Amino acid sequence: MTRSPFASALPGSWRRPLALFGVMAILAALGLAFLATRTSAPATDGPMEHQHTASVADSATPVMLSAQDAARIGVTFATATLTPIAREVRTVAQVTYDETRVATVALKVDGWVEQLYVSIEGQPVQKGQALLTLYSPMLVSAQDELLIARRLASEVGAGTASAQGGAGELLEASRRRLAYWDVPRGVITAIEQSGQVRKAVQFDSPVAGIVVERNVLAGQRVAAGEPLFKIADLSRVWLEGEVFEPDLALVRPGLVVMAEFPALPGTTRTGRITYVYPTLDPETRTGRIRVELPNPGLALKPGMYATIRFETPARTVLSVPRSAVLATGERNFVFVTDPDGMFTPRDVALGAATDDRIEILHGLAPGERVVASGTFLLDAESNLGAAMGGMGDMPGMDMKSPTTGPAPAAPARRGPPPPDTAMPRMPGMTPPAPAQGGDDAHANH
């Protein structure tokens, strides 16, 4: 083994600085190469994988398939047509009172309850049925005035016409005063006939129904206007349901509603929507609707749950099968097929939907053919094509076609070897042995 003549001629004290200079040259070359690659790489705003994924998801490309390949993967087709759509809306509801058939019983005079005839909530009552008797000093005074007016009318019966007219008006005023306090007319007649003042006066129910609230006890002092009973007529009830915001535009008063009740299995009741509330719940994003139902036998009880469903009026719209639409969360699109076998993704705007079809607001024209099944496979193929098409722009990816033909051969070296231009040998490194044979071997010899 031989050393370079230049290295052998250098003094020993120069060899170490020369080795350090070689190391520094190597590090400088590596730094320049690193900076060159960083400068040539395209600038990005974020991680390359995120940018690549977003570009693929947002830019699906057309797909070319032959008829045999489409049939092999199960692709079927449908035509965008004008069809009538009547959507069915289902929601939950709750039985409640018909507010037009609920009455509150309150007295118009102060007093004390002497006797209570209806003391149980849920008890049915009839119109005119006795509820309680009340002692009231005001009622006692009114009864005295009534009896005095009656005696006066009897005494002036043979008097002048003006005297009879005045006595009659006073008697009618006394009767009217008691009637305005809701004293039954039969009680007023009985007082006149007996000529005796009653300590406790009876009060009757003004309506028929079920006592749903009772706020009075026997012996209790009550004030004028204080609610004592709440009576509801349950022969007709309301169903109040919650309809989601997208379905509210389809709800109209008068629509026929079918109601099913878990408490009454196998029973279906029919009613109509009578009112759509004008407000929306901001938390649940639902609107209330009201349905009136007859209640024979009082089988429907307030508080019961029900499932209601109704169909909206049919509309003729442009629609496709629901399986033809792919929803990614950011866009809705279909694959439109061309006669030459090209499948092109196209964004569409969706409207109302049924179990098997969905309305297309815009994006398609009547008569265009779309893929009805196999859309997921086409979408995967489309995204794969977009991904492979975008990889050529990634740093380090050379998507150019390789050059054809054999690589040119290196020219043969003739003559003596060139001067030793390699970097100086570092301490502890042994240069490789020279090749044997040929011109180099003769030169070493």
Protein backbone atom coordinates (compact mmCIF):
# COMPACT_ATOMS: atom_id res chain seq x y z
CA MET A 1 0.00 0.00 0.00
CA THR A 2 1.26 3.47 -0.91
CA ARG A 3 0.44 6.96 0.27
CA SER A 4 -0.19 9.96 -1.90
CA PRO A 5 3.10 11.66 -2.83
CA PHE A 6 1.61 14.97 -1.73
CA ALA A 7 0.64 13.61 1.71
CA SER A 8 4.04 11.97 2.13
CA ALA A 9 5.83 15.21 1.38
CA LEU A 10 3.99 17.19 4.10
CA PRO A 11 5.61 17.55 7.49
CA GLY A 12 3.95 15.66 10.32
CA SER A 13 2.89 18.89 12.07
CA TRP A 14 0.77 19.90 9.03
CA ARG A 15 -1.13 16.66 8.66
CA ARG A 16 -3.49 17.17 11.62
CA PRO A 17 -4.64 20.72 10.62
CA LEU A 18 -5.17 19.44 7.11
CA ALA A 19 -7.39 16.63 8.43
CA LEU A 20 -9.46 19.09 10.42
CA PHE A 21 -9.84 21.22 7.32
CA GLY A 22 -11.20 18.17 5.46
CA VAL A 23 -13.78 17.47 8.16
CA MET A 24 -14.95 21.08 8.05
CA ALA A 25 -15.26 20.88 4.27
CA ILE A 26 -17.45 17.80 4.57
CA LEU A 27 -19.78 19.47 7.11
CA ALA A 28 -20.06 22.59 4.95
CA ALA A 29 -21.04 20.48 1.94
CA LEU A 30 -23.74 18.68 3.94
CA GLY A 31 -25.13 22.00 5.19
CA LEU A 32 -25.32 23.43 1.68
CA ALA A 33 -27.12 20.30 0.49
CA PHE A 34 -29.65 20.55 3.35
CA LEU A 35 -30.35 24.22 2.62
CA ALA A 36 -30.75 23.48 -1.06
CA THR A 37 -33.37 20.79 -0.41
CA ARG A 38 -35.28 23.00 2.04
CA THR A 39 -35.29 25.88 -0.41
CA SER A 40 -36.51 23.74 -3.28
CA ALA A 41 -39.38 22.20 -1.24
CA PRO A 42 -42.71 23.99 -1.75
CA ALA A 43 -43.99 25.99 1.21
CA THR A 44 -47.00 24.60 3.01
CA ASP A 45 -49.29 26.01 5.66
CA GLY A 46 -49.59 22.83 7.67
CA PRO A 47 -48.70 19.14 7.79
CA MET A 48 -48.56 17.61 4.35
CA GLU A 49 -50.83 14.70 5.28
CA HIS A 50 -53.61 17.07 6.36
CA GLN A 51 -53.35 19.13 3.23
CA HIS A 52 -53.29 16.01 1.07
CA THR A 53 -56.36 14.52 2.78
CA ALA A 54 -58.36 17.71 2.44
CA SER A 55 -57.55 18.02 -1.25
CA VAL A 56 -58.66 14.45 -1.88
CA ALA A 57 -61.93 14.80 0.05
CA ASP A 58 -62.86 18.08 -1.61
CA SER A 59 -61.88 17.25 -5.18
CA ALA A 60 -63.30 13.91 -6.26
CA THR A 61 -62.40 13.23 -9.87
CA PRO A 62 -64.40 11.56 -12.65
CA VAL A 63 -64.06 7.80 -12.97
CA MET A 64 -63.99 5.79 -16.22
CA LEU A 65 -65.39 2.25 -16.06
CA SER A 66 -66.42 -0.13 -18.77
CA ALA A 67 -69.87 -1.69 -18.73
CA GLN A 68 -68.37 -5.03 -17.70
CA ASP A 69 -66.45 -3.48 -14.78
CA ALA A 70 -69.51 -1.55 -13.61
CA ALA A 71 -71.63 -4.71 -13.65
CA ARG A 72 -68.89 -6.63 -11.83
CA ILE A 73 -68.90 -4.27 -8.83
CA GLY A 74 -72.70 -4.04 -8.74
CA VAL A 75 -73.27 -0.54 -10.13
CA THR A 76 -76.90 0.14 -11.03
CA PHE A 77 -78.48 3.23 -12.51
CA ALA A 78 -81.56 5.39 -12.03
CA THR A 79 -83.05 8.39 -13.80
CA ALA A 80 -83.83 11.73 -12.16
CA THR A 81 -87.59 12.04 -12.65
CA LEU A 82 -90.48 14.27 -11.59
CA THR A 83 -92.42 12.26 -9.02
CA PRO A 84 -95.02 13.12 -6.36
CA ILE A 85 -93.59 13.03 -2.84
CA ALA A 86 -95.79 12.88 0.27
CA ARG A 87 -93.59 12.80 3.32
CA GLU A 88 -94.68 11.12 6.55
CA VAL A 89 -93.78 12.90 9.78
CA ARG A 90 -93.60 10.95 13.04
CA THR A 91 -93.19 12.44 16.49
CA VAL A 92 -94.23 11.99 20.11
CA ALA A 93 -97.07 13.78 21.87
CA GLN A 94 -98.74 13.95 25.26
CA VAL A 95 -102.40 13.95 26.23
CA THR A 96 -103.54 17.13 27.95
CA TYR A 97 -106.79 18.89 28.80
CA ASP A 98 -108.84 20.72 26.24
CA GLU A 99 -108.35 24.19 27.65
CA THR A 100 -111.70 25.31 26.29
CA ARG A 101 -113.39 22.65 28.45
CA VAL A 102 -111.71 23.43 31.78
CA ALA A 103 -113.49 25.53 34.41
CA THR A 104 -112.42 26.95 37.75
CA VAL A 105 -115.03 27.21 40.50
CA ALA A 106 -114.62 30.31 42.69
CA LEU A 107 -117.18 32.10 44.88
CA LYS A 108 -118.01 35.79 44.57
CA VAL A 109 -118.56 36.35 48.30
CA ASP A 110 -116.50 35.75 51.42
CA GLY A 111 -117.59 33.11 53.90
CA TRP A 112 -117.00 29.80 55.65
CA VAL A 113 -117.58 26.36 54.19
CA GLU A 114 -120.24 24.64 56.27
CA GLN A 115 -120.47 21.38 54.33
CA LEU A 116 -118.38 19.95 51.46
CA TYR A 117 -120.13 17.53 49.08
CA VAL A 118 -117.23 16.96 46.64
CA SER A 119 -114.01 16.25 48.53
CA ILE A 120 -112.08 13.85 46.25
CA GLU A 121 -109.97 14.71 43.24
CA GLY A 122 -110.93 12.68 40.21
CA GLN A 123 -114.58 12.57 41.23
CA PRO A 124 -117.01 13.09 38.32
CA VAL A 125 -119.63 15.81 38.73
CA GLN A 126 -122.64 16.89 36.70
CA LYS A 127 -123.74 20.37 35.86
CA GLY A 128 -125.96 21.63 38.69
CA GLN A 129 -124.64 19.11 41.22
CA ALA A 130 -124.14 20.51 44.74
CA LEU A 131 -120.52 21.25 45.64
CA LEU A 132 -120.73 22.90 49.09
CA THR A 133 -122.75 25.10 51.44
CA LEU A 134 -121.42 28.49 52.57
CA TYR A 135 -122.19 30.76 55.51
CA SER A 136 -121.70 34.39 54.61
CA PRO A 137 -122.95 37.51 56.42
CA MET A 138 -123.42 39.14 53.02
CA LEU A 139 -125.72 36.35 51.91
CA VAL A 140 -127.72 36.60 55.13
CA SER A 141 -128.25 40.35 54.56
CA ALA A 142 -129.25 39.74 50.94
CA GLN A 143 -131.81 37.14 52.03
CA ASP A 144 -133.32 39.61 54.53
CA GLU A 145 -133.65 42.22 51.79
CA LEU A 146 -135.31 39.65 49.53
CA LEU A 147 -137.92 38.70 52.13
CA ILE A 148 -138.66 42.37 52.96
CA ALA A 149 -139.10 43.20 49.29
CA ARG A 150 -141.46 40.25 48.89
CA ARG A 151 -143.62 41.33 51.86
CA LEU A 152 -143.69 44.89 50.53
CA ALA A 153 -144.84 43.68 47.15
CA SER A 154 -147.64 41.70 48.78
CA GLU A 155 -148.81 44.67 50.92
CA VAL A 156 -149.04 47.14 48.01
CA GLY A 157 -150.86 44.68 45.78
CA ALA A 158 -154.06 46.72 46.13
CA GLY A 159 -152.29 50.08 45.97
CA THR A 160 -151.59 52.37 43.10
CA ALA A 161 -149.83 51.25 39.97
CA SER A 162 -146.74 53.27 40.78
CA ALA A 163 -146.51 51.69 44.23
CA GLN A 164 -146.87 48.22 42.78
CA GLY A 165 -144.25 48.96 40.17
CA GLY A 166 -141.76 50.20 42.77
CA ALA A 167 -142.27 47.18 45.00
CA GLY A 168 -141.87 44.83 42.04
CA GLU A 169 -138.62 46.47 40.98
CA LEU A 170 -137.25 46.17 44.51
CA LEU A 171 -138.15 42.46 44.59
CA GLU A 172 -136.46 41.82 41.24
CA ALA A 173 -133.34 43.70 42.37
CA SER A 174 -133.08 41.49 45.47
CA ARG A 175 -133.42 38.35 43.40
CA ARG A 176 -130.87 39.61 40.85
CA ARG A 177 -128.35 40.39 43.58
CA LEU A 178 -128.38 36.80 44.82
CA ALA A 179 -128.29 35.44 41.28
CA TYR A 180 -125.21 37.53 40.50
CA TRP A 181 -123.52 35.84 43.44
CA ASP A 182 -124.21 32.48 41.74
CA VAL A 183 -126.89 31.44 44.23
CA PRO A 184 -128.95 28.83 42.36
CA ARG A 185 -132.38 30.03 41.21
CA GLY A 186 -134.00 27.06 42.95
CA VAL A 187 -132.48 28.15 46.26
CA ILE A 188 -133.79 31.71 45.79
CA THR A 189 -137.30 30.41 45.09
CA ALA A 190 -137.15 28.14 48.16
CA ILE A 191 -136.15 31.08 50.38
CA GLU A 192 -139.09 33.16 49.15
CA GLN A 193 -141.56 30.34 49.64
CA SER A 194 -140.32 29.47 53.14
CA GLY A 195 -139.94 33.07 54.26
CA GLN A 196 -136.93 32.01 56.33
CA VAL A 197 -133.34 33.16 56.06
CA ARG A 198 -130.85 30.32 55.55
CA LYS A 199 -127.62 30.39 57.45
CA ALA A 200 -125.73 28.31 54.85
CA VAL A 201 -126.47 28.67 51.15
CA GLN A 202 -125.82 25.86 48.67
CA PHE A 203 -123.60 26.36 45.59
CA ASP A 204 -123.70 24.03 42.56
CA SER A 205 -121.22 23.05 39.85
CA PRO A 206 -121.49 25.27 36.77
CA VAL A 207 -120.09 22.57 34.43
CA ALA A 208 -119.91 18.80 34.03
CA GLY A 209 -116.58 16.97 34.13
CA ILE A 210 -113.91 15.53 36.36
CA VAL A 211 -112.56 17.29 39.44
CA VAL A 212 -108.85 17.56 38.67
CA GLU A 213 -108.01 20.00 41.49
CA ARG A 214 -109.59 20.62 44.90
CA ASN A 215 -108.30 23.47 47.07
CA VAL A 216 -110.93 23.64 49.83
CA LEU A 217 -111.79 21.76 53.02
CA ALA A 218 -114.88 21.71 55.22
CA GLY A 219 -114.87 24.59 57.74
CA GLN A 220 -112.33 26.60 55.75
CA ARG A 221 -112.71 30.33 55.34
CA VAL A 222 -112.69 31.31 51.69
CA ALA A 223 -112.37 34.68 50.03
CA ALA A 224 -114.15 35.97 46.99
CA GLY A 225 -112.31 34.92 43.82
CA GLU A 226 -110.26 32.19 45.48
CA PRO A 227 -110.16 29.05 43.23
CA LEU A 228 -111.80 26.13 45.02
CA PHE A 229 -112.21 23.49 42.29
CA LYS A 230 -110.84 22.86 38.81
CA ILE A 231 -113.19 20.79 36.69
CA ALA A 232 -112.25 19.45 33.24
CA ASP A 233 -114.50 17.96 30.60
CA LEU A 234 -112.52 15.01 29.25
CA SER A 235 -114.97 13.97 26.53
CA ARG A 236 -112.51 15.66 24.14
CA VAL A 237 -108.77 16.01 24.76
CA TRP A 238 -105.73 17.56 23.14
CA LEU A 239 -102.51 15.95 21.96
CA GLU A 240 -99.56 18.33 22.05
CA GLY A 241 -96.55 17.17 20.03
CA GLU A 242 -93.08 18.48 19.19
CA VAL A 243 -92.12 18.72 15.51
CA PHE A 244 -88.51 19.32 14.48
CA GLU A 245 -87.65 22.58 12.78
CA PRO A 246 -87.07 21.16 9.24
CA ASP A 247 -90.55 19.56 9.28
CA LEU A 248 -92.47 22.62 10.49
CA ALA A 249 -92.83 24.00 6.97
CA LEU A 250 -94.81 20.86 6.04
CA VAL A 251 -97.32 21.12 8.90
CA ARG A 252 -100.74 22.61 8.18
CA PRO A 253 -103.93 22.81 10.28
CA GLY A 254 -106.45 20.28 9.10
CA LEU A 255 -104.02 17.43 8.38
CA VAL A 256 -105.32 14.04 9.50
CA VAL A 257 -103.25 12.52 12.32
CA MET A 258 -103.03 8.90 13.40
CA ALA A 259 -102.23 8.44 17.09
CA GLU A 260 -101.06 5.28 18.87
CA PHE A 261 -100.78 4.94 22.64
CA PRO A 262 -98.49 2.57 24.57
CA ALA A 263 -101.17 2.34 27.28
CA LEU A 264 -103.71 1.18 24.68
CA PRO A 265 -101.86 -1.36 22.51
CA GLY A 266 -103.50 -2.12 19.20
CA THR A 267 -105.66 1.01 19.36
CA THR A 268 -105.34 3.83 16.84
CA ARG A 269 -107.18 7.13 17.21
CA THR A 270 -107.75 9.62 14.41
CA GLY A 271 -107.81 13.38 14.81
CA ARG A 272 -106.83 16.59 13.03
CA ILE A 273 -104.23 19.25 13.60
CA THR A 274 -106.09 22.30 14.90
CA TYR A 275 -103.25 24.66 15.71
CA VAL A 276 -99.54 25.20 15.01
CA TYR A 277 -97.89 27.30 17.70
CA PRO A 278 -96.08 30.38 16.36
CA THR A 279 -93.00 29.99 18.59
CA LEU A 280 -89.98 27.69 18.52
CA ASP A 281 -88.13 26.17 21.45
CA PRO A 282 -84.54 27.50 21.12
CA GLU A 283 -83.06 24.56 23.05
CA THR A 284 -84.72 21.61 21.31
CA ARG A 285 -85.31 23.41 17.98
CA THR A 286 -88.87 22.09 17.85
CA GLY A 287 -92.29 23.63 17.43
CA ARG A 288 -95.51 22.55 19.11
CA ILE A 289 -98.63 21.37 17.34
CA ARG A 290 -102.08 20.64 18.74
CA VAL A 291 -104.33 17.75 17.78
CA GLU A 292 -107.95 17.33 18.95
CA LEU A 293 -109.19 13.83 19.69
CA PRO A 294 -112.59 12.54 20.85
CA ASN A 295 -112.35 10.56 24.06
CA PRO A 296 -115.24 8.11 24.35
CA GLY A 297 -115.25 6.25 27.62
CA LEU A 298 -112.57 8.60 28.97
CA ALA A 299 -109.89 6.06 27.97
CA LEU A 300 -107.38 8.82 27.22
CA LYS A 301 -106.05 10.35 30.40
CA PRO A 302 -104.03 13.56 30.66
CA GLY A 303 -100.34 12.76 30.89
CA MET A 304 -100.42 9.73 28.57
CA TYR A 305 -97.78 9.52 25.85
CA ALA A 306 -98.61 8.90 22.21
CA THR A 307 -96.88 8.46 18.88
CA ILE A 308 -98.47 10.52 16.14
CA ARG A 309 -97.85 10.41 12.40
CA PHE A 310 -99.27 12.31 9.49
CA GLU A 311 -98.55 12.71 5.81
CA THR A 312 -97.86 16.04 4.23
CA PRO A 313 -99.64 17.04 1.00
CA ALA A 314 -98.06 15.43 -2.08
CA ARG A 315 -95.81 17.65 -4.25
CA THR A 316 -94.37 16.88 -7.68
CA VAL A 317 -90.61 17.36 -7.42
CA LEU A 318 -87.41 16.19 -9.10
CA SER A 319 -86.14 13.20 -7.14
CA VAL A 320 -83.66 10.30 -7.20
CA PRO A 321 -83.29 7.19 -5.03
CA ARG A 322 -81.86 7.95 -1.59
CA SER A 323 -79.02 5.49 -2.22
CA ALA A 324 -77.80 7.67 -5.09
CA VAL A 325 -76.80 10.56 -2.82
CA LEU A 326 -73.50 10.54 -0.93
CA ALA A 327 -73.23 12.92 2.04
CA THR A 328 -69.73 13.73 3.32
CA GLY A 329 -70.79 16.31 5.91
CA GLU A 330 -69.48 19.18 3.79
CA ARG A 331 -71.17 18.35 0.51
CA ASN A 332 -73.87 16.18 -1.05
CA PHE A 333 -73.19 14.75 -4.49
CA VAL A 334 -74.24 12.12 -6.98
CA PHE A 335 -72.37 10.36 -9.79
CA VAL A 336 -73.78 11.29 -13.17
CA THR A 337 -73.07 8.76 -15.93
CA ASP A 338 -72.27 9.58 -19.54
CA PRO A 339 -72.86 7.33 -22.55
CA ASP A 340 -69.10 6.80 -22.91
CA GLY A 341 -68.81 5.25 -19.42
CA MET A 342 -67.56 8.32 -17.54
CA PHE A 343 -68.91 8.79 -13.99
CA THR A 344 -68.73 12.43 -12.93
CA PRO A 345 -69.41 13.57 -9.33
CA ARG A 346 -71.80 16.52 -9.15
CA ASP A 347 -72.90 18.55 -6.12
CA VAL A 348 -76.65 18.68 -5.47
CA ALA A 349 -78.94 20.48 -3.02
CA LEU A 350 -81.40 18.25 -1.16
CA GLY A 351 -85.01 18.84 -0.12
CA ALA A 352 -87.69 16.62 1.40
CA ALA A 353 -87.12 12.87 1.62
CA THR A 354 -89.21 9.71 1.92
CA ASP A 355 -88.16 6.20 2.80
CA ASP A 356 -86.86 5.51 -0.73
CA ARG A 357 -86.54 8.81 -2.61
CA ILE A 358 -85.10 12.28 -1.96
CA GLU A 359 -85.87 15.64 -3.55
CA ILE A 360 -83.20 17.41 -5.62
CA LEU A 361 -83.58 21.19 -5.44
CA HIS A 362 -80.82 21.94 -7.95
CA GLY A 363 -77.80 20.24 -9.46
CA LEU A 364 -79.63 17.78 -11.73
CA ALA A 365 -82.00 17.99 -14.67
CA PRO A 366 -84.91 15.64 -15.43
CA GLY A 367 -83.79 12.64 -17.45
CA GLU A 368 -80.15 12.55 -16.31
CA ARG A 369 -78.88 9.12 -15.28
CA VAL A 370 -77.19 8.70 -11.93
CA VAL A 371 -75.60 5.80 -10.08
CA ALA A 372 -78.18 4.24 -7.76
CA SER A 373 -75.98 1.62 -6.07
CA GLY A 374 -72.24 1.09 -5.84
CA THR A 375 -71.68 4.78 -5.15
CA PHE A 376 -69.28 4.09 -2.29
CA LEU A 377 -66.97 2.08 -4.52
CA LEU A 378 -67.00 4.82 -7.15
CA ASP A 379 -66.31 7.43 -4.47
CA ALA A 380 -63.32 5.43 -3.22
CA GLU A 381 -61.98 5.10 -6.76
CA SER A 382 -62.51 8.81 -7.39
CA ASN A 383 -60.68 9.83 -4.22
CA LEU A 384 -57.87 7.39 -5.02
CA GLY A 385 -57.44 9.00 -8.42
CA ALA A 386 -57.33 12.45 -6.84
CA ALA A 387 -54.75 11.25 -4.31
CA MET A 388 -52.46 9.72 -6.94
CA GLY A 389 -52.80 12.79 -9.11
CA GLY A 390 -51.73 15.04 -6.25
CA MET A 391 -48.70 13.04 -5.13
CA GLY A 392 -46.57 14.43 -7.94
CA ASP A 393 -46.44 17.78 -6.15
CA MET A 394 -45.11 16.32 -2.90
CA PRO A 395 -41.40 16.93 -2.13
CA GLY A 396 -39.23 13.96 -3.02
CA MET A 397 -41.88 12.37 -5.31
CA ASP A 398 -40.79 12.25 -8.96
CA MET A 399 -43.88 11.29 -10.96
CA LYS A 400 -42.22 11.78 -14.40
CA SER A 401 -42.04 8.85 -16.78
CA PRO A 402 -38.66 7.06 -16.77
CA THR A 403 -36.36 7.54 -19.77
CA THR A 404 -36.35 4.72 -22.29
CA GLY A 405 -33.33 2.98 -23.82
CA PRO A 406 -30.10 1.72 -22.27
CA ALA A 407 -28.14 4.04 -20.06
CA PRO A 408 -25.01 5.43 -21.79
CA ALA A 409 -21.87 3.57 -20.81
CA ALA A 410 -19.14 5.41 -18.93
CA PRO A 411 -16.10 6.17 -21.16
CA ALA A 412 -13.18 3.87 -20.63
CA ARG A 413 -10.27 5.44 -18.78
CA ARG A 414 -6.97 5.24 -20.50
CA GLY A 415 -3.48 6.30 -19.54
CA PRO A 416 -2.10 6.91 -16.10
CA PRO A 417 -4.56 7.68 -13.29
CA PRO A 418 -5.33 11.30 -12.59
CA PRO A 419 -3.65 13.02 -9.71
CA ASP A 420 -4.89 12.09 -6.28
CA THR A 421 -7.68 14.70 -5.78
CA ALA A 422 -9.38 12.89 -2.93
CA MET A 423 -9.72 14.65 0.37
CA PRO A 424 -6.71 14.29 2.69
CA ARG A 425 -6.63 11.12 4.64
CA MET A 426 -7.97 11.49 8.16
CA PRO A 427 -5.98 10.09 11.06
CA GLY A 428 -6.69 6.42 11.66
CA MET A 429 -8.10 5.81 8.17
CA THR A 430 -6.37 3.39 5.80
CA PRO A 431 -6.84 4.08 2.08
CA PRO A 432 -8.19 1.20 0.01
CA ALA A 433 -5.77 -1.06 -1.84
CA PRO A 434 -5.22 -0.17 -5.47
CA ALA A 435 -6.85 -2.30 -8.15
CA GLN A 436 -4.68 -5.13 -9.49
CA GLY A 437 -4.03 -5.58 -13.17
CA GLY A 438 -4.37 -3.25 -16.09
CA ASP A 439 -2.57 -0.02 -16.59
CA ASP A 440 -2.80 0.95 -12.89
CA ALA A 441 -0.97 -2.15 -11.84
CA HIS A 442 1.79 -1.46 -14.28
CA ALA A 443 1.93 2.13 -13.07
CA ASN A 444 2.33 1.06 -9.43
CA HIS A 445 5.00 -1.35 -10.42
